[in-house]
Amino acid sequence: MSEAATAAGTAVPGTEASVPLQGPVPVG
């Protein structure tokens, strides 16, 4: 299930599995 979760990706269009997507963070 952990592997499936990782392979499922995110709901953000255009992201690739090899590039970890970071959530929004405050400036700085």
PDB file of all heavy atoms in Angstrom:
ATOM      1  N   MET A   1       0.830  -1.214   0.000  1.00  0.00           N
ATOM      2  CA  MET A   1       0.000   0.000   0.000  1.00  0.00           C
ATOM      3  C   MET A   1       0.859   1.257   0.000  1.00  0.00           C
ATOM      4  O   MET A   1       0.506   2.257  -0.625  1.00  0.00           O
ATOM      5  CB  MET A   1      -0.959  -0.024   1.185  1.00  0.00           C
ATOM      6  CG  MET A   1      -2.061  -1.066   1.009  1.00  0.00           C
ATOM      7  SD  MET A   1      -3.266  -1.058   2.323  1.00  0.00           S
ATOM      8  CE  MET A   1      -4.311   0.279   1.784  1.00  0.00           C
ATOM      9  N   SER A   2       1.996   1.190   0.679  1.00  0.00           N
ATOM     10  CA  SER A   2       2.911   2.326   0.674  1.00  0.00           C
ATOM     11  C   SER A   2       3.465   2.551  -0.729  1.00  0.00           C
ATOM     12  O   SER A   2       3.553   3.695  -1.197  1.00  0.00           O
ATOM     13  CB  SER A   2       4.038   2.068   1.673  1.00  0.00           C
ATOM     14  OG  SER A   2       4.988   3.093   1.614  1.00  0.00           O
ATOM     15  N   GLU A   3       3.830   1.470  -1.386  1.00  0.00           N
ATOM     16  CA  GLU A   3       4.332   1.585  -2.763  1.00  0.00           C
ATOM     17  C   GLU A   3       3.246   2.103  -3.703  1.00  0.00           C
ATOM     18  O   GLU A   3       3.516   2.916  -4.592  1.00  0.00           O
ATOM     19  CB  GLU A   3       4.854   0.226  -3.240  1.00  0.00           C
ATOM     20  CG  GLU A   3       6.119  -0.224  -2.531  1.00  0.00           C
ATOM     21  CD  GLU A   3       6.499  -1.671  -2.831  1.00  0.00           C
ATOM     22  OE1 GLU A   3       5.737  -2.379  -3.530  1.00  0.00           O
ATOM     23  OE2 GLU A   3       7.564  -2.100  -2.352  1.00  0.00           O
ATOM     24  N   ALA A   4       2.017   1.637  -3.492  1.00  0.00           N
ATOM     25  CA  ALA A   4       0.902   2.109  -4.324  1.00  0.00           C
ATOM     26  C   ALA A   4       0.667   3.598  -4.106  1.00  0.00           C
ATOM     27  O   ALA A   4       0.405   4.340  -5.060  1.00  0.00           O
ATOM     28  CB  ALA A   4      -0.358   1.317  -4.005  1.00  0.00           C
ATOM     29  N   ALA A   5       0.760   4.019  -2.853  1.00  0.00           N
ATOM     30  CA  ALA A   5       0.564   5.436  -2.541  1.00  0.00           C
ATOM     31  C   ALA A   5       1.629   6.286  -3.219  1.00  0.00           C
ATOM     32  O   ALA A   5       1.333   7.345  -3.778  1.00  0.00           O
ATOM     33  CB  ALA A   5       0.587   5.646  -1.032  1.00  0.00           C
ATOM     34  N   THR A   6       2.861   5.808  -3.195  1.00  0.00           N
ATOM     35  CA  THR A   6       3.957   6.542  -3.827  1.00  0.00           C
ATOM     36  C   THR A   6       3.775   6.586  -5.348  1.00  0.00           C
ATOM     37  O   THR A   6       3.976   7.623  -5.980  1.00  0.00           O
ATOM     38  CB  THR A   6       5.305   5.886  -3.485  1.00  0.00           C
ATOM     39  OG1 THR A   6       5.457   5.875  -2.072  1.00  0.00           O
ATOM     40  CG2 THR A   6       6.469   6.637  -4.111  1.00  0.00           C
ATOM     41  N   ALA A   7       3.359   5.460  -5.921  1.00  0.00           N
ATOM     42  CA  ALA A   7       3.199   5.386  -7.380  1.00  0.00           C
ATOM     43  C   ALA A   7       1.990   6.173  -7.867  1.00  0.00           C
ATOM     44  O   ALA A   7       1.952   6.580  -9.031  1.00  0.00           O
ATOM     45  CB  ALA A   7       3.077   3.926  -7.805  1.00  0.00           C
ATOM     46  N   ALA A   8       1.007   6.399  -7.006  1.00  0.00           N
ATOM     47  CA  ALA A   8      -0.208   7.093  -7.430  1.00  0.00           C
ATOM     48  C   ALA A   8       0.034   8.559  -7.742  1.00  0.00           C
ATOM     49  O   ALA A   8      -0.713   9.164  -8.503  1.00  0.00           O
ATOM     50  CB  ALA A   8      -1.283   6.961  -6.345  1.00  0.00           C
ATOM     51  N   GLY A   9       1.063   9.122  -7.163  1.00  0.00           N
ATOM     52  CA  GLY A   9       1.372  10.523  -7.445  1.00  0.00           C
ATOM     53  C   GLY A   9       0.426  11.473  -6.748  1.00  0.00           C
ATOM     54  O   GLY A   9      -0.216  11.139  -5.760  1.00  0.00           O
ATOM     55  N   THR A  10       0.341  12.684  -7.319  1.00  0.00           N
ATOM     56  CA  THR A  10      -0.498  13.727  -6.725  1.00  0.00           C
ATOM     57  C   THR A  10      -1.554  14.150  -7.724  1.00  0.00           C
ATOM     58  O   THR A  10      -1.604  13.666  -8.844  1.00  0.00           O
ATOM     59  CB  THR A  10       0.351  14.952  -6.342  1.00  0.00           C
ATOM     60  OG1 THR A  10       0.835  15.538  -7.539  1.00  0.00           O
ATOM     61  CG2 THR A  10       1.493  14.586  -5.436  1.00  0.00           C
ATOM     62  N   ALA A  11      -2.369  15.079  -7.319  1.00  0.00           N
ATOM     63  CA  ALA A  11      -3.417  15.592  -8.198  1.00  0.00           C
ATOM     64  C   ALA A  11      -2.962  16.855  -8.929  1.00  0.00           C
ATOM     65  O   ALA A  11      -3.756  17.528  -9.553  1.00  0.00           O
ATOM     66  CB  ALA A  11      -4.669  15.882  -7.384  1.00  0.00           C
ATOM     67  N   VAL A  12      -1.668  17.162  -8.862  1.00  0.00           N
ATOM     68  CA  VAL A  12      -1.148  18.364  -9.507  1.00  0.00           C
ATOM     69  C   VAL A  12      -0.722  17.998 -10.925  1.00  0.00           C
ATOM     70  O   VAL A  12       0.134  17.141 -11.115  1.00  0.00           O
ATOM     71  CB  VAL A  12       0.044  18.941  -8.711  1.00  0.00           C
ATOM     72  CG1 VAL A  12       0.604  20.165  -9.410  1.00  0.00           C
ATOM     73  CG2 VAL A  12      -0.391  19.262  -7.296  1.00  0.00           C
ATOM     74  N   PRO A  13      -1.311  18.601 -11.949  1.00  0.00           N
ATOM     75  CA  PRO A  13      -0.960  18.255 -13.333  1.00  0.00           C
ATOM     76  C   PRO A  13       0.486  18.618 -13.651  1.00  0.00           C
ATOM     77  O   PRO A  13       1.008  19.619 -13.162  1.00  0.00           O
ATOM     78  CB  PRO A  13      -1.910  19.102 -14.188  1.00  0.00           C
ATOM     79  CG  PRO A  13      -2.818  19.809 -13.246  1.00  0.00           C
ATOM     80  CD  PRO A  13      -2.315  19.617 -11.863  1.00  0.00           C
ATOM     81  N   GLY A  14       1.116  17.743 -14.422  1.00  0.00           N
ATOM     82  CA  GLY A  14       2.460  18.013 -14.901  1.00  0.00           C
ATOM     83  C   GLY A  14       3.559  17.616 -13.954  1.00  0.00           C
ATOM     84  O   GLY A  14       4.725  17.809 -14.267  1.00  0.00           O
ATOM     85  N   THR A  15       3.286  17.036 -12.821  1.00  0.00           N
ATOM     86  CA  THR A  15       4.357  16.628 -11.925  1.00  0.00           C
ATOM     87  C   THR A  15       4.830  15.251 -12.324  1.00  0.00           C
ATOM     88  O   THR A  15       4.095  14.434 -12.849  1.00  0.00           O
ATOM     89  CB  THR A  15       3.877  16.588 -10.462  1.00  0.00           C
ATOM     90  OG1 THR A  15       2.805  15.669 -10.361  1.00  0.00           O
ATOM     91  CG2 THR A  15       3.455  17.954  -9.981  1.00  0.00           C
ATOM     92  N   GLU A  16       6.095  15.002 -12.072  1.00  0.00           N
ATOM     93  CA  GLU A  16       6.679  13.712 -12.391  1.00  0.00           C
ATOM     94  C   GLU A  16       7.038  13.009 -11.101  1.00  0.00           C
ATOM     95  O   GLU A  16       7.378  13.639 -10.102  1.00  0.00           O
ATOM     96  CB  GLU A  16       7.939  13.902 -13.242  1.00  0.00           C
ATOM     97  CG  GLU A  16       7.649  14.529 -14.588  1.00  0.00           C
ATOM     98  CD  GLU A  16       8.926  14.738 -15.379  1.00  0.00           C
ATOM     99  OE1 GLU A  16       9.955  14.131 -15.046  1.00  0.00           O
ATOM    100  OE2 GLU A  16       8.889  15.522 -16.323  1.00  0.00           O
ATOM    101  N   ALA A  17       6.990  11.687 -11.120  1.00  0.00           N
ATOM    102  CA  ALA A  17       7.266  10.896  -9.923  1.00  0.00           C
ATOM    103  C   ALA A  17       8.706  11.082  -9.451  1.00  0.00           C
ATOM    104  O   ALA A  17       8.993  10.980  -8.274  1.00  0.00           O
ATOM    105  CB  ALA A  17       6.982   9.425 -10.191  1.00  0.00           C
ATOM    106  N   SER A  18       9.628  11.396 -10.377  1.00  0.00           N
ATOM    107  CA  SER A  18      11.029  11.512  -9.979  1.00  0.00           C
ATOM    108  C   SER A  18      11.329  12.830  -9.258  1.00  0.00           C
ATOM    109  O   SER A  18      12.352  12.969  -8.618  1.00  0.00           O
ATOM    110  CB  SER A  18      11.938  11.369 -11.205  1.00  0.00           C
ATOM    111  OG  SER A  18      11.659  12.421 -12.112  1.00  0.00           O
ATOM    112  N   VAL A  19      10.450  13.814  -9.398  1.00  0.00           N
ATOM    113  CA  VAL A  19      10.654  15.097  -8.752  1.00  0.00           C
ATOM    114  C   VAL A  19       9.698  15.185  -7.566  1.00  0.00           C
ATOM    115  O   VAL A  19       8.485  15.242  -7.760  1.00  0.00           O
ATOM    116  CB  VAL A  19      10.372  16.269  -9.723  1.00  0.00           C
ATOM    117  CG1 VAL A  19      10.563  17.603  -9.027  1.00  0.00           C
ATOM    118  CG2 VAL A  19      11.238  16.148 -10.949  1.00  0.00           C
ATOM    119  N   PRO A  20      10.227  15.170  -6.336  1.00  0.00           N
ATOM    120  CA  PRO A  20       9.324  15.260  -5.191  1.00  0.00           C
ATOM    121  C   PRO A  20       8.655  16.628  -5.149  1.00  0.00           C
ATOM    122  O   PRO A  20       9.313  17.653  -5.213  1.00  0.00           O
ATOM    123  CB  PRO A  20      10.222  15.035  -3.975  1.00  0.00           C
ATOM    124  CG  PRO A  20      11.607  15.262  -4.455  1.00  0.00           C
ATOM    125  CD  PRO A  20      11.622  15.059  -5.936  1.00  0.00           C
ATOM    126  N   LEU A  21       7.359  16.616  -5.088  1.00  0.00           N
ATOM    127  CA  LEU A  21       6.586  17.850  -5.063  1.00  0.00           C
ATOM    128  C   LEU A  21       6.487  18.337  -3.627  1.00  0.00           C
ATOM    129  O   LEU A  21       6.144  17.586  -2.737  1.00  0.00           O
ATOM    130  CB  LEU A  21       5.188  17.596  -5.627  1.00  0.00           C
ATOM    131  CG  LEU A  21       4.257  18.799  -5.673  1.00  0.00           C
ATOM    132  CD1 LEU A  21       4.796  19.839  -6.654  1.00  0.00           C
ATOM    133  CD2 LEU A  21       2.864  18.362  -6.069  1.00  0.00           C
ATOM    134  N   GLN A  22       6.792  19.587  -3.421  1.00  0.00           N
ATOM    135  CA  GLN A  22       6.698  20.179  -2.095  1.00  0.00           C
ATOM    136  C   GLN A  22       5.404  20.976  -2.001  1.00  0.00           C
ATOM    137  O   GLN A  22       4.973  21.575  -2.976  1.00  0.00           O
ATOM    138  CB  GLN A  22       7.896  21.097  -1.821  1.00  0.00           C
ATOM    139  CG  GLN A  22       9.246  20.413  -1.913  1.00  0.00           C
ATOM    140  CD  GLN A  22       9.450  19.403  -0.787  1.00  0.00           C
ATOM    141  OE1 GLN A  22       9.041  19.648   0.329  1.00  0.00           O
ATOM    142  NE2 GLN A  22      10.042  18.282  -1.090  1.00  0.00           N
ATOM    143  N   GLY A  23       4.831  20.957  -0.832  1.00  0.00           N
ATOM    144  CA  GLY A  23       3.607  21.720  -0.617  1.00  0.00           C
ATOM    145  C   GLY A  23       3.898  23.205  -0.543  1.00  0.00           C
ATOM    146  O   GLY A  23       5.054  23.621  -0.489  1.00  0.00           O
ATOM    147  N   PRO A  24       2.874  24.004  -0.529  1.00  0.00           N
ATOM    148  CA  PRO A  24       3.084  25.459  -0.443  1.00  0.00           C
ATOM    149  C   PRO A  24       3.662  25.830   0.918  1.00  0.00           C
ATOM    150  O   PRO A  24       3.259  25.292   1.940  1.00  0.00           O
ATOM    151  CB  PRO A  24       1.671  26.028  -0.621  1.00  0.00           C
ATOM    152  CG  PRO A  24       0.759  24.907  -0.284  1.00  0.00           C
ATOM    153  CD  PRO A  24       1.486  23.637  -0.587  1.00  0.00           C
ATOM    154  N   VAL A  25       4.635  26.698   0.895  1.00  0.00           N
ATOM    155  CA  VAL A  25       5.264  27.154   2.130  1.00  0.00           C
ATOM    156  C   VAL A  25       5.320  28.671   2.100  1.00  0.00           C
ATOM    157  O   VAL A  25       5.356  29.288   1.043  1.00  0.00           O
ATOM    158  CB  VAL A  25       6.693  26.585   2.300  1.00  0.00           C
ATOM    159  CG1 VAL A  25       6.652  25.087   2.502  1.00  0.00           C
ATOM    160  CG2 VAL A  25       7.561  26.925   1.108  1.00  0.00           C
ATOM    161  N   PRO A  26       5.311  29.301   3.257  1.00  0.00           N
ATOM    162  CA  PRO A  26       5.426  30.768   3.287  1.00  0.00           C
ATOM    163  C   PRO A  26       6.765  31.216   2.683  1.00  0.00           C
ATOM    164  O   PRO A  26       7.752  30.474   2.712  1.00  0.00           O
ATOM    165  CB  PRO A  26       5.372  31.092   4.779  1.00  0.00           C
ATOM    166  CG  PRO A  26       4.830  29.875   5.461  1.00  0.00           C
ATOM    167  CD  PRO A  26       5.150  28.719   4.579  1.00  0.00           C
ATOM    168  N   VAL A  27       6.762  32.400   2.147  1.00  0.00           N
ATOM    169  CA  VAL A  27       7.974  32.949   1.546  1.00  0.00           C
ATOM    170  C   VAL A  27       9.076  33.004   2.603  1.00  0.00           C
ATOM    171  O   VAL A  27       8.858  33.462   3.724  1.00  0.00           O
ATOM    172  CB  VAL A  27       7.716  34.356   0.962  1.00  0.00           C
ATOM    173  CG1 VAL A  27       8.999  34.948   0.403  1.00  0.00           C
ATOM    174  CG2 VAL A  27       6.649  34.294  -0.102  1.00  0.00           C
ATOM    175  N   GLY A  28      10.257  32.499   2.239  1.00  0.00           N
ATOM    176  CA  GLY A  28      11.396  32.526   3.138  1.00  0.00           C
ATOM    177  C   GLY A  28      11.470  31.340   4.076  1.00  0.00           C
ATOM    178  O   GLY A  28      12.464  31.151   4.751  1.00  0.00           O
TER     179      GLY A  28
END
